[in-house]
């Protein structure tokens, strides 16, 4: 989806020039709809499994208590081992659920690394002999530059002066 969006932004003039805006809008709509549908499947599965894990733990704890309680009532078992089993079970629930979350985190990290590697593996092409070099002279100065995203200021009041001929970065 990002690649298609980037192609449309970069080729904006070409799209307008050939009057194929409706075609590109339709193509992008199909891509976003496909992405949305895939995301909804993931959201459904996450919602299902996020609720299934506590339910499974609760059912297992209830089974231990019912069986152990019944066994202690009919004098087939003592209460001490039942309490120990419940304590061991409760101590193990957090590490087990954490391992499930760790698997999800590692999958997200793997997907992020793949995207980063994809960007880093592309060859940079720099045209040294470009004829579009800027022919400006004088200092470059920014005064009171601000950038706001929504209601939150990201950058506020930046002042920068770069003398002619100086290289920054």
Protein backbone atom coordinates (compact mmCIF):
# COMPACT_ATOMS: atom_id res chain seq x y z
CA UNK A 1 0.00 0.00 0.00
CA UNK A 2 2.84 2.39 0.85
CA UNK A 3 4.57 1.71 -2.46
CA UNK A 4 1.38 2.40 -4.41
CA UNK A 5 0.80 5.61 -2.48
CA UNK A 6 4.39 6.72 -3.08
CA UNK A 7 4.06 6.01 -6.81
CA UNK A 8 0.91 8.13 -6.97
CA UNK A 9 2.51 11.02 -5.10
CA UNK A 10 5.69 10.96 -7.18
CA UNK A 11 3.82 10.48 -10.46
CA UNK A 12 1.07 12.98 -9.64
CA UNK A 13 1.70 15.12 -12.72
CA UNK A 14 1.83 12.08 -15.00
CA UNK A 15 -1.47 10.80 -13.61
CA UNK A 16 -3.09 14.20 -14.15
CA UNK A 17 -1.51 14.62 -17.56
CA UNK A 18 -2.94 11.38 -18.88
CA UNK A 19 -6.30 11.87 -17.09
CA UNK A 20 -6.11 8.51 -15.34
CA UNK A 21 -7.01 9.82 -11.88
CA UNK A 22 -10.19 7.71 -11.62
CA UNK A 23 -8.24 4.62 -12.59
CA UNK A 24 -5.58 5.28 -9.93
CA UNK A 25 -8.22 6.11 -7.31
CA UNK A 26 -9.99 2.84 -8.07
CA UNK A 27 -6.70 0.89 -7.88
CA UNK A 28 -5.76 2.56 -4.58
CA UNK A 29 -9.25 1.95 -3.16
CA UNK A 30 -8.89 -1.78 -3.92
CA UNK A 31 -5.50 -1.83 -2.20
CA UNK A 32 -6.76 -0.04 0.91
CA UNK A 33 -9.86 -2.23 1.04
CA UNK A 34 -7.66 -5.34 0.86
CA UNK A 35 -5.41 -3.98 3.62
CA UNK A 36 -8.47 -3.11 5.73
CA UNK A 37 -9.93 -6.61 5.31
CA UNK A 38 -6.63 -8.25 6.28
CA UNK A 39 -6.31 -5.97 9.30
CA UNK A 40 -9.86 -6.81 10.39
CA UNK A 41 -9.00 -10.53 10.30
CA UNK A 42 -5.95 -9.84 12.48
CA UNK A 43 -8.04 -7.70 14.86
CA UNK A 44 -10.64 -10.47 15.11
CA UNK A 45 -7.99 -13.09 15.87
CA UNK A 46 -6.31 -10.87 18.46
CA UNK A 47 -9.64 -10.18 20.13
CA UNK A 48 -10.43 -13.89 20.11
CA UNK A 49 -7.09 -15.02 21.54
CA UNK A 50 -6.78 -12.14 24.02
CA UNK A 51 -10.05 -13.29 25.57
CA UNK A 52 -9.38 -17.00 25.13
CA UNK A 53 -6.19 -17.00 27.23
CA UNK A 54 -7.76 -15.69 30.49
CA UNK A 55 -10.78 -17.95 29.92
CA UNK A 56 -8.55 -21.01 29.56
CA UNK A 57 -6.60 -20.08 32.68
CA UNK A 58 -9.81 -19.57 34.64
CA UNK A 59 -11.25 -22.91 33.49
CA UNK A 60 -8.03 -24.71 34.45
CA UNK A 61 -7.96 -23.05 37.89
CA UNK A 62 -11.62 -23.93 38.42
CA UNK A 63 -10.95 -27.55 37.42
CA UNK A 64 -8.05 -27.78 39.87
CA UNK A 65 -10.16 -26.34 42.69
CA UNK A 66 -13.20 -28.51 41.93
CA UNK A 67 -11.23 -31.74 41.61
CA UNK A 68 -9.03 -30.97 44.60
CA UNK A 69 -11.99 -29.85 46.70
CA UNK A 70 -13.95 -32.96 45.81
CA UNK A 71 -10.94 -35.19 46.53
CA UNK A 72 -10.39 -33.55 49.93
CA UNK A 73 -14.10 -33.87 50.83
CA UNK A 74 -14.12 -37.61 50.18
CA UNK A 75 -10.78 -37.83 52.04
CA UNK A 76 -8.86 -39.04 49.00
CA UNK A 77 -6.47 -36.07 49.19
CA UNK A 78 -5.25 -33.58 51.75
CA UNK A 79 -5.78 -29.82 51.54
CA UNK A 80 -2.04 -29.00 51.60
CA UNK A 81 -1.19 -30.41 48.16
CA UNK A 82 -4.31 -28.71 46.74
CA UNK A 83 -3.15 -25.31 48.01
CA UNK A 84 0.34 -26.01 46.65
CA UNK A 85 -1.07 -26.95 43.23
CA UNK A 86 -3.18 -23.77 43.09
CA UNK A 87 -0.17 -21.63 44.08
CA UNK A 88 2.09 -23.27 41.50
CA UNK A 89 -0.57 -22.84 38.83
CA UNK A 90 -1.07 -19.16 39.69
CA UNK A 91 2.70 -18.56 39.64
CA UNK A 92 2.97 -20.12 36.17
CA UNK A 93 0.12 -18.21 34.49
CA UNK A 94 1.99 -14.90 34.10
CA UNK A 95 5.14 -16.38 32.50
CA UNK A 96 3.06 -18.47 30.11
CA UNK A 97 0.91 -15.53 29.01
CA UNK A 98 4.05 -13.39 28.74
CA UNK A 99 5.59 -15.95 26.38
CA UNK A 100 2.54 -15.63 24.14
CA UNK A 101 2.95 -11.85 24.05
CA UNK A 102 6.67 -12.24 23.44
CA UNK A 103 5.94 -14.28 20.32
CA UNK A 104 3.68 -11.48 19.02
CA UNK A 105 6.32 -8.84 19.80
CA UNK A 106 9.02 -10.85 18.03
CA UNK A 107 6.81 -11.23 14.94
CA UNK A 108 6.21 -7.46 14.88
CA UNK A 109 9.95 -6.86 15.25
CA UNK A 110 10.71 -9.30 12.44
CA UNK A 111 8.27 -7.52 10.13
CA UNK A 112 9.84 -4.17 11.02
CA UNK A 113 13.36 -5.46 10.36
CA UNK A 114 12.24 -6.81 6.99
CA UNK A 115 10.90 -3.37 6.02
CA UNK A 116 14.09 -1.66 7.20
CA UNK A 117 16.26 -4.15 5.28
CA UNK A 118 14.14 -3.60 2.17
CA UNK A 119 14.79 0.14 2.34
CA UNK A 120 18.49 -0.28 3.11
CA UNK A 121 19.03 -2.81 0.33
CA UNK A 122 17.89 -0.43 -2.41
CA UNK A 123 20.68 1.19 -4.39
CA UNK A 124 20.99 4.93 -4.01
CA UNK A 125 21.38 6.72 -7.27
CA UNK A 126 22.86 10.16 -7.08
CA UNK A 127 23.21 12.17 -10.26
CA UNK A 128 26.41 14.16 -9.76
CA UNK A 129 26.25 15.75 -13.20
CA UNK A 130 22.70 17.01 -12.76
CA UNK A 131 21.77 20.15 -14.67
CA UNK A 132 19.16 21.11 -12.08
CA UNK A 133 21.60 22.46 -9.53
CA UNK A 134 20.35 25.47 -7.63
CA UNK A 135 21.97 28.73 -8.59
CA UNK A 136 21.32 30.82 -5.51
CA UNK A 137 23.67 33.01 -3.62
CA UNK A 138 23.55 34.45 -0.14
CA UNK A 139 22.86 33.11 3.31
CA UNK A 140 20.06 30.72 4.13
CA UNK A 141 17.98 31.82 7.11
CA UNK A 142 14.91 30.41 8.83
CA UNK A 143 13.12 32.51 11.43
CA UNK A 144 10.53 31.26 13.90
CA UNK A 145 9.73 27.97 12.11
CA UNK A 146 7.01 25.83 13.68
CA UNK A 147 5.41 22.52 12.84
CA UNK A 148 2.18 21.31 14.37
CA UNK A 149 0.55 17.89 14.10
CA UNK A 150 -3.08 18.09 15.19
CA UNK A 151 -3.11 20.31 18.27
CA UNK A 152 0.39 19.35 19.41
CA UNK A 153 3.47 21.37 18.43
CA UNK A 154 6.30 19.15 17.25
CA UNK A 155 8.70 22.00 16.49
CA UNK A 156 8.25 25.54 17.76
CA UNK A 157 10.27 28.70 17.20
CA UNK A 158 13.27 27.26 15.34
CA UNK A 159 15.81 29.80 14.11
CA UNK A 160 18.61 28.76 11.79
CA UNK A 161 21.15 30.72 9.78
CA UNK A 162 23.57 29.06 7.38
CA UNK A 163 26.19 31.35 5.82
CA UNK A 164 26.84 31.07 2.10
CA UNK A 165 29.30 28.30 1.24
CA UNK A 166 28.95 26.46 4.56
CA UNK A 167 27.95 22.81 4.43
CA UNK A 168 25.60 21.50 7.10
CA UNK A 169 25.08 17.78 7.70
